[in-house]
N, C-alpha and C. Protein backbone atom coordinates (compact mmCIF):
# COMPACT_ATOMS: atom_id res chain seq x y z
N UNK A 1 35.82 -18.67 -72.86
CA UNK A 1 35.49 -17.27 -72.77
C UNK A 1 34.05 -17.08 -73.23
N UNK A 2 33.33 -16.23 -72.55
CA UNK A 2 31.93 -15.97 -72.87
C UNK A 2 31.79 -15.20 -74.18
N UNK A 3 32.83 -14.51 -74.56
CA UNK A 3 32.77 -13.69 -75.77
C UNK A 3 32.56 -14.57 -77.00
N UNK A 4 33.17 -15.75 -76.99
CA UNK A 4 33.02 -16.66 -78.13
C UNK A 4 31.56 -17.06 -78.32
N UNK A 5 30.83 -17.21 -77.22
CA UNK A 5 29.43 -17.62 -77.32
C UNK A 5 28.52 -16.41 -77.61
N UNK A 6 29.00 -15.24 -77.31
CA UNK A 6 28.21 -14.04 -77.54
C UNK A 6 28.25 -13.61 -79.01
N UNK A 7 29.38 -13.83 -79.69
CA UNK A 7 29.58 -13.36 -81.07
C UNK A 7 28.49 -13.87 -82.02
N UNK A 8 28.09 -15.14 -81.96
CA UNK A 8 27.02 -15.57 -82.89
C UNK A 8 25.68 -14.89 -82.62
N UNK A 9 25.51 -14.34 -81.41
CA UNK A 9 24.24 -13.69 -81.08
C UNK A 9 24.16 -12.26 -81.59
N UNK A 10 25.24 -11.72 -82.19
CA UNK A 10 25.25 -10.33 -82.66
C UNK A 10 24.16 -10.08 -83.71
N UNK A 11 23.88 -11.08 -84.53
CA UNK A 11 22.92 -10.89 -85.60
C UNK A 11 21.48 -11.07 -85.13
N UNK A 12 21.27 -11.58 -83.93
CA UNK A 12 19.92 -11.81 -83.39
C UNK A 12 19.39 -10.51 -82.78
N UNK A 13 18.09 -10.46 -82.51
CA UNK A 13 17.51 -9.25 -81.89
C UNK A 13 18.11 -9.00 -80.49
N UNK A 14 17.97 -7.77 -80.02
CA UNK A 14 18.57 -7.29 -78.77
C UNK A 14 18.14 -8.11 -77.57
N UNK A 15 16.89 -8.53 -77.48
CA UNK A 15 16.42 -9.26 -76.31
C UNK A 15 17.18 -10.57 -76.11
N UNK A 16 17.66 -11.22 -77.18
CA UNK A 16 18.44 -12.45 -77.02
C UNK A 16 19.81 -12.15 -76.43
N UNK A 17 20.41 -11.06 -76.92
CA UNK A 17 21.73 -10.69 -76.39
C UNK A 17 21.62 -10.29 -74.91
N UNK A 18 20.58 -9.55 -74.55
CA UNK A 18 20.38 -9.16 -73.15
C UNK A 18 20.11 -10.39 -72.29
N UNK A 19 19.31 -11.33 -72.79
CA UNK A 19 19.02 -12.56 -72.04
C UNK A 19 20.31 -13.35 -71.83
N UNK A 20 21.18 -13.41 -72.86
CA UNK A 20 22.44 -14.12 -72.71
C UNK A 20 23.32 -13.45 -71.66
N UNK A 21 23.44 -12.13 -71.70
CA UNK A 21 24.24 -11.40 -70.72
C UNK A 21 23.67 -11.61 -69.32
N UNK A 22 22.34 -11.58 -69.20
CA UNK A 22 21.70 -11.83 -67.91
C UNK A 22 22.03 -13.24 -67.42
N UNK A 23 21.98 -14.23 -68.32
CA UNK A 23 22.31 -15.61 -67.96
C UNK A 23 23.75 -15.72 -67.49
N UNK A 24 24.67 -15.07 -68.19
CA UNK A 24 26.08 -15.11 -67.80
C UNK A 24 26.26 -14.48 -66.42
N UNK A 25 25.64 -13.33 -66.17
CA UNK A 25 25.76 -12.66 -64.88
C UNK A 25 25.17 -13.52 -63.76
N UNK A 26 24.02 -14.13 -64.02
CA UNK A 26 23.39 -14.99 -63.03
C UNK A 26 24.27 -16.20 -62.72
N UNK A 27 24.88 -16.79 -63.72
CA UNK A 27 25.76 -17.95 -63.53
C UNK A 27 26.99 -17.55 -62.71
N UNK A 28 27.60 -16.44 -63.06
CA UNK A 28 28.78 -15.97 -62.31
C UNK A 28 28.39 -15.70 -60.86
N UNK A 29 27.24 -15.04 -60.66
CA UNK A 29 26.77 -14.75 -59.30
C UNK A 29 26.55 -16.05 -58.52
N UNK A 30 25.95 -17.04 -59.16
CA UNK A 30 25.71 -18.34 -58.50
C UNK A 30 27.00 -19.02 -58.10
N UNK A 31 27.98 -19.05 -59.00
CA UNK A 31 29.27 -19.70 -58.70
C UNK A 31 29.97 -18.96 -57.56
N UNK A 32 29.97 -17.62 -57.61
CA UNK A 32 30.59 -16.85 -56.53
C UNK A 32 29.89 -17.08 -55.20
N UNK A 33 28.57 -17.24 -55.25
CA UNK A 33 27.81 -17.50 -54.04
C UNK A 33 28.20 -18.85 -53.43
N UNK A 34 28.36 -19.86 -54.26
CA UNK A 34 28.78 -21.19 -53.78
C UNK A 34 30.18 -21.12 -53.19
N UNK A 35 31.10 -20.45 -53.88
CA UNK A 35 32.47 -20.33 -53.38
C UNK A 35 32.49 -19.59 -52.04
N UNK A 36 31.71 -18.51 -51.94
CA UNK A 36 31.64 -17.77 -50.68
C UNK A 36 31.06 -18.64 -49.57
N UNK A 37 30.04 -19.41 -49.89
CA UNK A 37 29.45 -20.33 -48.90
C UNK A 37 30.45 -21.34 -48.38
N UNK A 38 31.23 -21.92 -49.29
CA UNK A 38 32.26 -22.89 -48.89
C UNK A 38 33.30 -22.20 -48.01
N UNK A 39 33.71 -21.00 -48.38
CA UNK A 39 34.69 -20.25 -47.60
C UNK A 39 34.17 -19.96 -46.20
N UNK A 40 32.93 -19.47 -46.10
CA UNK A 40 32.34 -19.14 -44.80
C UNK A 40 32.19 -20.40 -43.95
N UNK A 41 31.76 -21.49 -44.55
CA UNK A 41 31.61 -22.75 -43.81
C UNK A 41 32.95 -23.23 -43.28
N UNK A 42 33.98 -23.14 -44.08
CA UNK A 42 35.33 -23.54 -43.64
C UNK A 42 35.80 -22.64 -42.49
N UNK A 43 35.55 -21.35 -42.60
CA UNK A 43 35.96 -20.43 -41.54
C UNK A 43 35.19 -20.71 -40.25
N UNK A 44 33.90 -21.03 -40.35
CA UNK A 44 33.11 -21.34 -39.16
C UNK A 44 33.61 -22.62 -38.49
N UNK A 45 33.95 -23.63 -39.29
CA UNK A 45 34.48 -24.87 -38.72
C UNK A 45 35.82 -24.64 -38.05
N UNK A 46 36.66 -23.82 -38.67
CA UNK A 46 37.96 -23.50 -38.07
C UNK A 46 37.78 -22.74 -36.76
N UNK A 47 36.82 -21.82 -36.73
CA UNK A 47 36.54 -21.07 -35.51
C UNK A 47 36.04 -22.00 -34.41
N UNK A 48 35.16 -22.94 -34.75
CA UNK A 48 34.64 -23.89 -33.78
C UNK A 48 35.77 -24.77 -33.23
N UNK A 49 36.64 -25.23 -34.12
CA UNK A 49 37.77 -26.04 -33.69
C UNK A 49 38.71 -25.24 -32.81
N UNK A 50 38.93 -23.97 -33.16
CA UNK A 50 39.79 -23.10 -32.37
C UNK A 50 39.19 -22.90 -30.99
N UNK A 51 37.90 -22.70 -30.92
CA UNK A 51 37.21 -22.53 -29.63
C UNK A 51 37.36 -23.79 -28.79
N UNK A 52 37.22 -24.95 -29.43
CA UNK A 52 37.38 -26.21 -28.70
C UNK A 52 38.80 -26.36 -28.16
N UNK A 53 39.79 -25.93 -28.95
CA UNK A 53 41.19 -26.00 -28.51
C UNK A 53 41.40 -25.08 -27.32
N UNK A 54 40.85 -23.87 -27.38
CA UNK A 54 41.00 -22.92 -26.27
C UNK A 54 40.35 -23.47 -25.01
N UNK A 55 39.17 -24.04 -25.13
CA UNK A 55 38.48 -24.62 -23.97
C UNK A 55 39.29 -25.77 -23.41
N UNK A 56 39.79 -26.64 -24.27
CA UNK A 56 40.58 -27.78 -23.81
C UNK A 56 41.85 -27.31 -23.10
N UNK A 57 42.52 -26.32 -23.66
CA UNK A 57 43.74 -25.80 -23.04
C UNK A 57 43.45 -25.16 -21.69
N UNK A 58 42.34 -24.44 -21.59
CA UNK A 58 41.97 -23.81 -20.32
C UNK A 58 41.67 -24.87 -19.26
N UNK A 59 40.95 -25.92 -19.65
CA UNK A 59 40.65 -26.99 -18.70
C UNK A 59 41.91 -27.73 -18.27
N UNK A 60 42.82 -27.95 -19.21
CA UNK A 60 44.08 -28.60 -18.86
C UNK A 60 44.91 -27.73 -17.92
N UNK A 61 44.93 -26.42 -18.17
CA UNK A 61 45.67 -25.50 -17.29
C UNK A 61 45.06 -25.49 -15.90
N UNK A 62 43.74 -25.52 -15.82
CA UNK A 62 43.07 -25.55 -14.50
C UNK A 62 43.40 -26.85 -13.78
N UNK A 63 43.37 -27.95 -14.50
CA UNK A 63 43.67 -29.25 -13.89
C UNK A 63 45.11 -29.27 -13.37
N UNK A 64 46.03 -28.73 -14.15
CA UNK A 64 47.43 -28.68 -13.74
C UNK A 64 47.60 -27.79 -12.51
N UNK A 65 46.94 -26.62 -12.52
CA UNK A 65 47.02 -25.70 -11.38
C UNK A 65 46.48 -26.36 -10.12
N UNK A 66 45.33 -27.03 -10.22
CA UNK A 66 44.74 -27.67 -9.05
C UNK A 66 45.63 -28.79 -8.53
N UNK A 67 46.30 -29.51 -9.43
CA UNK A 67 47.22 -30.57 -9.00
C UNK A 67 48.40 -29.95 -8.25
N UNK A 68 48.93 -28.85 -8.76
CA UNK A 68 50.05 -28.18 -8.08
C UNK A 68 49.61 -27.62 -6.73
N UNK A 69 48.41 -27.05 -6.68
CA UNK A 69 47.90 -26.53 -5.41
C UNK A 69 47.70 -27.66 -4.40
N UNK A 70 47.25 -28.80 -4.89
CA UNK A 70 47.07 -29.95 -4.00
C UNK A 70 48.40 -30.38 -3.42
N UNK A 71 49.44 -30.37 -4.24
CA UNK A 71 50.78 -30.72 -3.75
C UNK A 71 51.25 -29.72 -2.70
N UNK A 72 50.98 -28.43 -2.92
CA UNK A 72 51.36 -27.40 -1.94
C UNK A 72 50.59 -27.64 -0.64
N UNK A 73 49.31 -27.99 -0.75
CA UNK A 73 48.51 -28.24 0.45
C UNK A 73 49.11 -29.39 1.25
N UNK A 74 49.41 -30.50 0.59
CA UNK A 74 49.94 -31.65 1.32
C UNK A 74 51.33 -31.36 1.88
N UNK A 75 52.06 -30.47 1.24
CA UNK A 75 53.35 -30.04 1.79
C UNK A 75 53.13 -29.20 3.05
N UNK A 76 52.07 -28.40 3.07
CA UNK A 76 51.76 -27.60 4.25
C UNK A 76 51.24 -28.45 5.40
N UNK A 77 50.53 -29.50 5.07
CA UNK A 77 49.93 -30.38 6.07
C UNK A 77 51.00 -31.30 6.64
N UNK A 78 51.74 -30.80 7.62
CA UNK A 78 52.90 -31.53 8.15
C UNK A 78 52.52 -32.81 8.87
N UNK A 79 51.39 -32.82 9.58
CA UNK A 79 51.02 -34.03 10.33
C UNK A 79 50.10 -34.96 9.53
N UNK A 80 49.86 -34.66 8.27
CA UNK A 80 49.10 -35.50 7.33
C UNK A 80 47.70 -35.86 7.83
N UNK A 81 47.04 -34.92 8.50
CA UNK A 81 45.68 -35.18 8.94
C UNK A 81 44.63 -34.64 7.97
N UNK A 82 45.06 -34.08 6.84
CA UNK A 82 44.14 -33.56 5.84
C UNK A 82 43.63 -32.17 6.15
N UNK A 83 44.20 -31.55 7.17
CA UNK A 83 43.78 -30.21 7.58
C UNK A 83 45.02 -29.36 7.83
N UNK A 84 44.99 -28.11 7.36
CA UNK A 84 46.08 -27.18 7.61
C UNK A 84 45.57 -26.16 8.63
N UNK A 85 46.27 -26.06 9.73
CA UNK A 85 45.91 -25.08 10.75
C UNK A 85 46.58 -23.76 10.41
N UNK A 86 46.17 -22.71 11.12
CA UNK A 86 46.76 -21.40 10.90
C UNK A 86 48.26 -21.44 11.17
N UNK A 87 48.66 -22.18 12.20
CA UNK A 87 50.08 -22.27 12.54
C UNK A 87 50.88 -22.95 11.42
N UNK A 88 50.35 -24.06 10.88
CA UNK A 88 51.02 -24.74 9.77
C UNK A 88 51.09 -23.81 8.55
N UNK A 89 50.00 -23.10 8.32
CA UNK A 89 49.92 -22.19 7.19
C UNK A 89 50.97 -21.09 7.32
N UNK A 90 51.00 -20.45 8.50
CA UNK A 90 51.97 -19.37 8.74
C UNK A 90 53.40 -19.88 8.60
N UNK A 91 53.64 -21.07 9.14
CA UNK A 91 55.01 -21.63 9.10
C UNK A 91 55.45 -21.90 7.67
N UNK A 92 54.56 -22.49 6.86
CA UNK A 92 54.93 -22.82 5.48
C UNK A 92 55.09 -21.56 4.63
N UNK A 93 54.39 -20.50 4.98
CA UNK A 93 54.51 -19.28 4.20
C UNK A 93 55.77 -18.50 4.55
N UNK A 94 56.64 -19.09 5.33
CA UNK A 94 57.97 -18.53 5.55
C UNK A 94 58.96 -19.12 4.54
N UNK A 95 58.57 -20.22 3.89
CA UNK A 95 59.41 -20.90 2.90
C UNK A 95 59.43 -20.09 1.60
N UNK A 96 60.62 -19.81 1.09
CA UNK A 96 60.77 -18.99 -0.12
C UNK A 96 60.11 -19.61 -1.34
N UNK A 97 60.16 -20.94 -1.46
CA UNK A 97 59.55 -21.60 -2.62
C UNK A 97 58.02 -21.45 -2.58
N UNK A 98 57.44 -21.60 -1.40
CA UNK A 98 55.99 -21.46 -1.27
C UNK A 98 55.58 -20.01 -1.55
N UNK A 99 56.36 -19.07 -1.04
CA UNK A 99 56.09 -17.65 -1.30
C UNK A 99 56.16 -17.38 -2.79
N UNK A 100 57.19 -17.88 -3.45
CA UNK A 100 57.33 -17.67 -4.90
C UNK A 100 56.16 -18.28 -5.67
N UNK A 101 55.71 -19.46 -5.24
CA UNK A 101 54.59 -20.11 -5.92
C UNK A 101 53.32 -19.27 -5.77
N UNK A 102 53.05 -18.80 -4.54
CA UNK A 102 51.87 -17.98 -4.33
C UNK A 102 51.96 -16.68 -5.11
N UNK A 103 53.14 -16.11 -5.21
CA UNK A 103 53.31 -14.87 -5.99
C UNK A 103 53.05 -15.13 -7.47
N UNK A 104 53.41 -16.32 -7.95
CA UNK A 104 53.14 -16.65 -9.35
C UNK A 104 51.64 -16.72 -9.62
N UNK A 105 50.86 -16.96 -8.58
CA UNK A 105 49.40 -16.96 -8.71
C UNK A 105 48.81 -15.57 -8.46
N UNK A 106 49.68 -14.58 -8.24
CA UNK A 106 49.28 -13.21 -7.91
C UNK A 106 48.52 -13.16 -6.59
N UNK A 107 48.93 -14.01 -5.64
CA UNK A 107 48.36 -13.99 -4.30
C UNK A 107 49.35 -13.30 -3.37
N UNK A 108 48.88 -12.29 -2.68
CA UNK A 108 49.72 -11.55 -1.76
C UNK A 108 49.84 -12.34 -0.46
N UNK A 109 51.05 -12.75 -0.11
CA UNK A 109 51.27 -13.57 1.08
C UNK A 109 51.91 -12.77 2.21
N UNK A 110 51.91 -11.45 2.10
CA UNK A 110 52.51 -10.65 3.17
C UNK A 110 51.63 -10.67 4.41
N UNK A 111 50.32 -10.75 4.24
CA UNK A 111 49.40 -10.81 5.38
C UNK A 111 48.81 -12.22 5.41
N UNK A 112 49.52 -13.12 6.09
CA UNK A 112 49.10 -14.53 6.08
C UNK A 112 47.78 -14.75 6.81
N UNK A 113 47.51 -13.95 7.84
CA UNK A 113 46.25 -14.12 8.58
C UNK A 113 45.05 -13.82 7.69
N UNK A 114 45.13 -12.73 6.94
CA UNK A 114 44.02 -12.38 6.04
C UNK A 114 43.87 -13.42 4.95
N UNK A 115 44.97 -13.86 4.39
CA UNK A 115 44.92 -14.89 3.34
C UNK A 115 44.29 -16.16 3.90
N UNK A 116 44.68 -16.54 5.11
CA UNK A 116 44.12 -17.74 5.73
C UNK A 116 42.60 -17.58 5.90
N UNK A 117 42.15 -16.43 6.39
CA UNK A 117 40.72 -16.20 6.60
C UNK A 117 39.96 -16.22 5.27
N UNK A 118 40.58 -15.70 4.20
CA UNK A 118 39.92 -15.72 2.89
C UNK A 118 39.77 -17.14 2.36
N UNK A 119 40.76 -17.97 2.62
CA UNK A 119 40.71 -19.36 2.14
C UNK A 119 39.79 -20.21 3.02
N UNK A 120 39.75 -19.93 4.33
CA UNK A 120 38.94 -20.70 5.28
C UNK A 120 37.48 -20.29 5.14
N UNK A 121 36.79 -20.90 4.18
CA UNK A 121 35.43 -20.48 3.85
C UNK A 121 34.40 -20.84 4.92
N UNK A 122 34.65 -21.88 5.71
CA UNK A 122 33.68 -22.26 6.74
C UNK A 122 34.03 -21.71 8.12
N UNK A 123 35.05 -20.85 8.19
CA UNK A 123 35.47 -20.20 9.44
C UNK A 123 35.73 -21.20 10.57
N UNK A 124 36.36 -22.32 10.23
CA UNK A 124 36.63 -23.35 11.22
C UNK A 124 38.02 -23.23 11.82
N UNK A 125 38.77 -22.22 11.44
CA UNK A 125 40.15 -22.00 11.89
C UNK A 125 41.08 -23.10 11.38
N UNK A 126 40.63 -23.83 10.38
CA UNK A 126 41.46 -24.82 9.71
C UNK A 126 40.98 -24.93 8.26
N UNK A 127 41.87 -25.40 7.41
CA UNK A 127 41.56 -25.48 5.99
C UNK A 127 41.71 -26.93 5.54
N UNK A 128 40.66 -27.46 4.92
CA UNK A 128 40.81 -28.79 4.32
C UNK A 128 41.23 -28.61 2.86
N UNK A 129 41.47 -29.70 2.19
CA UNK A 129 42.03 -29.63 0.84
C UNK A 129 41.09 -28.92 -0.14
N UNK A 130 39.77 -29.17 -0.03
CA UNK A 130 38.83 -28.54 -0.95
C UNK A 130 38.74 -27.03 -0.72
N UNK A 131 38.75 -26.62 0.56
CA UNK A 131 38.76 -25.19 0.85
C UNK A 131 40.01 -24.54 0.26
N UNK A 132 41.14 -25.21 0.42
CA UNK A 132 42.40 -24.67 -0.07
C UNK A 132 42.37 -24.54 -1.59
N UNK A 133 41.93 -25.59 -2.27
CA UNK A 133 41.89 -25.56 -3.73
C UNK A 133 40.92 -24.49 -4.23
N UNK A 134 39.71 -24.48 -3.68
CA UNK A 134 38.72 -23.49 -4.13
C UNK A 134 39.16 -22.08 -3.78
N UNK A 135 39.67 -21.89 -2.57
CA UNK A 135 40.08 -20.56 -2.14
C UNK A 135 41.21 -20.01 -2.97
N UNK A 136 42.25 -20.81 -3.17
CA UNK A 136 43.39 -20.34 -3.97
C UNK A 136 43.00 -20.12 -5.42
N UNK A 137 42.16 -21.00 -5.96
CA UNK A 137 41.75 -20.84 -7.35
C UNK A 137 40.92 -19.56 -7.52
N UNK A 138 40.03 -19.30 -6.57
CA UNK A 138 39.21 -18.10 -6.66
C UNK A 138 40.01 -16.82 -6.45
N UNK A 139 41.05 -16.89 -5.63
CA UNK A 139 41.83 -15.70 -5.31
C UNK A 139 42.95 -15.41 -6.29
N UNK A 140 43.28 -16.36 -7.14
CA UNK A 140 44.42 -16.16 -8.03
C UNK A 140 44.15 -15.07 -9.04
N UNK A 141 45.21 -14.44 -9.51
CA UNK A 141 45.10 -13.44 -10.57
C UNK A 141 44.74 -12.07 -10.02
N UNK A 142 44.63 -11.14 -10.94
CA UNK A 142 44.31 -9.77 -10.58
C UNK A 142 42.79 -9.62 -10.41
N UNK A 143 42.41 -8.60 -9.68
CA UNK A 143 40.99 -8.31 -9.53
C UNK A 143 40.44 -7.87 -10.88
N UNK A 144 39.27 -8.34 -11.19
CA UNK A 144 38.64 -7.98 -12.45
C UNK A 144 37.54 -6.97 -12.19
N UNK A 145 37.09 -6.33 -13.22
CA UNK A 145 36.05 -5.31 -13.04
C UNK A 145 34.77 -5.95 -12.51
N UNK A 146 34.50 -7.19 -12.88
CA UNK A 146 33.29 -7.85 -12.37
C UNK A 146 33.41 -8.06 -10.86
N UNK A 147 34.62 -8.34 -10.36
CA UNK A 147 34.82 -8.48 -8.92
C UNK A 147 34.51 -7.17 -8.20
N UNK A 148 34.95 -6.07 -8.77
CA UNK A 148 34.68 -4.76 -8.18
C UNK A 148 33.19 -4.45 -8.21
N UNK A 149 32.52 -4.81 -9.30
CA UNK A 149 31.08 -4.58 -9.40
C UNK A 149 30.32 -5.41 -8.37
N UNK A 150 30.72 -6.66 -8.20
CA UNK A 150 30.07 -7.53 -7.21
C UNK A 150 30.26 -6.96 -5.81
N UNK A 151 31.47 -6.52 -5.51
CA UNK A 151 31.75 -5.95 -4.20
C UNK A 151 30.92 -4.69 -3.98
N UNK A 152 30.81 -3.85 -4.99
CA UNK A 152 30.02 -2.62 -4.87
C UNK A 152 28.56 -2.96 -4.62
N UNK A 153 28.04 -3.94 -5.33
CA UNK A 153 26.65 -4.34 -5.16
C UNK A 153 26.42 -4.88 -3.75
N UNK A 154 27.33 -5.70 -3.25
CA UNK A 154 27.18 -6.25 -1.91
C UNK A 154 27.27 -5.16 -0.84
N UNK A 155 28.17 -4.20 -1.04
CA UNK A 155 28.28 -3.10 -0.08
C UNK A 155 27.01 -2.24 -0.08
N UNK A 156 26.44 -2.00 -1.25
CA UNK A 156 25.20 -1.24 -1.31
C UNK A 156 24.08 -1.98 -0.60
N UNK A 157 24.05 -3.28 -0.77
CA UNK A 157 23.04 -4.10 -0.09
C UNK A 157 23.21 -4.01 1.42
N UNK A 158 24.45 -4.14 1.89
CA UNK A 158 24.71 -4.04 3.32
C UNK A 158 24.38 -2.65 3.86
N UNK A 159 24.67 -1.63 3.08
CA UNK A 159 24.34 -0.27 3.50
C UNK A 159 22.83 -0.12 3.65
N UNK A 160 22.08 -0.65 2.71
CA UNK A 160 20.61 -0.60 2.80
C UNK A 160 20.09 -1.33 4.03
N UNK A 161 20.65 -2.48 4.32
CA UNK A 161 20.24 -3.26 5.49
C UNK A 161 20.54 -2.48 6.76
N UNK A 162 21.75 -1.91 6.85
CA UNK A 162 22.11 -1.17 8.06
C UNK A 162 21.26 0.08 8.23
N UNK A 163 20.92 0.75 7.13
CA UNK A 163 20.04 1.91 7.22
C UNK A 163 18.65 1.52 7.71
N UNK A 164 18.12 0.41 7.24
CA UNK A 164 16.81 -0.05 7.70
C UNK A 164 16.86 -0.43 9.18
N UNK A 165 17.96 -1.06 9.61
CA UNK A 165 18.10 -1.40 11.02
C UNK A 165 18.16 -0.14 11.88
N UNK A 166 18.87 0.87 11.41
CA UNK A 166 18.96 2.12 12.13
C UNK A 166 17.60 2.79 12.23
N UNK A 167 16.83 2.77 11.15
CA UNK A 167 15.49 3.35 11.17
C UNK A 167 14.60 2.62 12.16
N UNK A 168 14.69 1.29 12.22
CA UNK A 168 13.88 0.51 13.16
C UNK A 168 14.25 0.81 14.60
N UNK A 169 15.55 0.91 14.87
CA UNK A 169 15.96 1.21 16.24
C UNK A 169 15.55 2.63 16.62
N UNK A 170 15.61 3.57 15.70
CA UNK A 170 15.16 4.93 15.98
C UNK A 170 13.65 4.98 16.20
N UNK A 171 12.91 4.12 15.50
CA UNK A 171 11.46 4.08 15.65
C UNK A 171 11.05 3.55 17.01
N UNK A 172 11.90 2.75 17.64
CA UNK A 172 11.59 2.21 18.95
C UNK A 172 11.64 3.30 20.02
N UNK A 173 12.30 4.39 19.73
CA UNK A 173 12.39 5.49 20.67
C UNK A 173 13.59 5.33 21.57
N UNK A 174 13.78 6.31 22.45
CA UNK A 174 14.94 6.25 23.33
C UNK A 174 14.83 5.07 24.30
N UNK A 175 15.93 4.43 24.47
CA UNK A 175 15.96 3.26 25.34
C UNK A 175 16.20 3.71 26.77
N UNK A 176 15.51 3.10 27.66
CA UNK A 176 15.73 3.39 29.07
C UNK A 176 16.93 2.61 29.58
N UNK A 177 17.10 2.56 30.87
CA UNK A 177 18.23 1.80 31.40
C UNK A 177 18.08 0.32 31.10
N UNK A 178 19.20 -0.30 30.89
CA UNK A 178 19.21 -1.73 30.59
C UNK A 178 18.96 -2.48 31.89
N UNK A 179 17.93 -3.34 31.92
CA UNK A 179 17.65 -4.07 33.17
C UNK A 179 18.78 -5.04 33.48
N UNK A 180 19.08 -5.13 34.74
CA UNK A 180 20.12 -6.05 35.18
C UNK A 180 19.54 -7.44 35.32
N UNK A 181 20.29 -8.40 34.86
CA UNK A 181 19.87 -9.78 35.00
C UNK A 181 20.91 -10.52 35.84
N UNK A 182 20.45 -11.49 36.55
CA UNK A 182 21.37 -12.25 37.41
C UNK A 182 21.95 -13.42 36.72
């Protein structure tokens, strides 16, 4: 107890007692500062480890999802040529298990033609495994606000382009008859 060390100082002048009290306060402050530092460091390390666990779990979930999607693709590819045609796609989306799997990804399979066009990124009327994996992965889940913002930005850009095209065609003046070509 600090009181035991303070009692002998009672007979000394005031400045010694104040210096002792200041020393005790400074020592307590220093110890508390070290304890707080250790606590904060431990919390930061735990947070970093937690972040690493979350990242690892997310990557493992993505890997698992892509493996399952690959299996669905090869199930759709009936002739094993590595390509799913619109007909194969439509046919497989009549299967209840495939429908249930797509619904678990929050993919609407009621309009198979639109879904096929969204997945077919190169517009080749067929889907290879990478198109299928990327397309399904990008389309899974609910729309996010960033998706809506991106769409709004792209629509505004297209509106600006179409307005400029309209201005250019109006600047050309009225068109006469279209010449006939043989």
